[in-house]
Amino acid sequence: MKKNAAPYLLVAPFMLVFLLTFIVPIVVAVAQSFTRTRYTGLYGEGGASETFAGWDNYATALANANFTQSIGRVLLFGVVQVTVMIGAATVLALLLESAAARWPGLFRALYFMPYGVPGVIATILWSFLYIPGLSPIVDALAVVGIQYDFLAEGNVLWSIANIVTWAYTGYNMLIIIAQLKAIPAEVYEAAKVDGAGPVRIATAIQIPLIRPALLLTIVFSIIGTLQLFAEPQILATIAPAINTEYTPNYSAYTWAFQYNDYGVAAAEAVIIAAAAFVLSFIFLRATTGRGGD
């Protein structure tokens, strides 16, 4: 009996933490999305009561032009930024794992290092490179006659994309490298016997065999794109083009902590989660023929 219970006792701490930090918040958010808080008194001093709102919070969220525009904005962001980032991570991984690579361990560490910088700190650091008068990049462009405002309405989204790409390319690169290291040496030896060069090995052997890692990094990036929050929130202090509902997560935060409407905020959060699931499922379905592994 004790032997049968041992696996459950070992798993119990993880399951408890998983339940309290993942399952319970999801259940609470879904429940909150169907409620409305009513305050009594002129300033709410009479207390608050929860009432059932049905689908009203979802209707309010979807009728909010700022929220729907933010969804379209991050979709565009994802199509461009994820493509560039995964492409760069793949190229770096292939170069570092090639036979001609020198000091691969050093360069892996250097490329991964930006991931260790918290998103808030990274955004603050990059903001100094975006502000005219402080940025050496802006000054260098001005010297050659190029006037470019990184924080202008049409440019700020790609300035955010640059920060995210800088921070997460190294992380995705390590996932791809781990898959590359799993390729048997015999495969490379057979390819060399057949006369395959480095480019042929990369395109015909390595890229097809690291497909699972590429799919994993893309799915993670899709989910991360819909969760974009820290970068636009920090840049909003210096970029007038960024409003308080610039991204879906930022919109949910604004409804919760500025408008004190937790029902609509919860509805937006559920919509974001559903969108992440649907997009990931569609991507996996399109690339693997099934919505799973």
Foldseek 3Di string as FASTA:
>chain_A
DVVVCVVVVVCVVVVVCCCVVPVVVLVVLVVLLQWWKDADDPVSPRDIDIDGRHCVLVVVQVVDPLQVVQAVLLVVLLVPLVVVLLVLLLVLLLQLPDPPHDPSVVVLCVQQVLLVDDLLRLLVVVVLCQDPPRHPVQVVCVVVPDHDHCQALVRVSVSLSVSVSSNCSSVLSVLLNVQQVPDDPVVVVVCVVVVDDSVRCVVPPSVVSSVVSSLVSSLVSLLVSLCDDSNLVNCVVPRVSRDQSNHLLSVLVCCCPVVVTNNSSSSSVVVSVVVSLVVSQVVCCVPPVGRDD
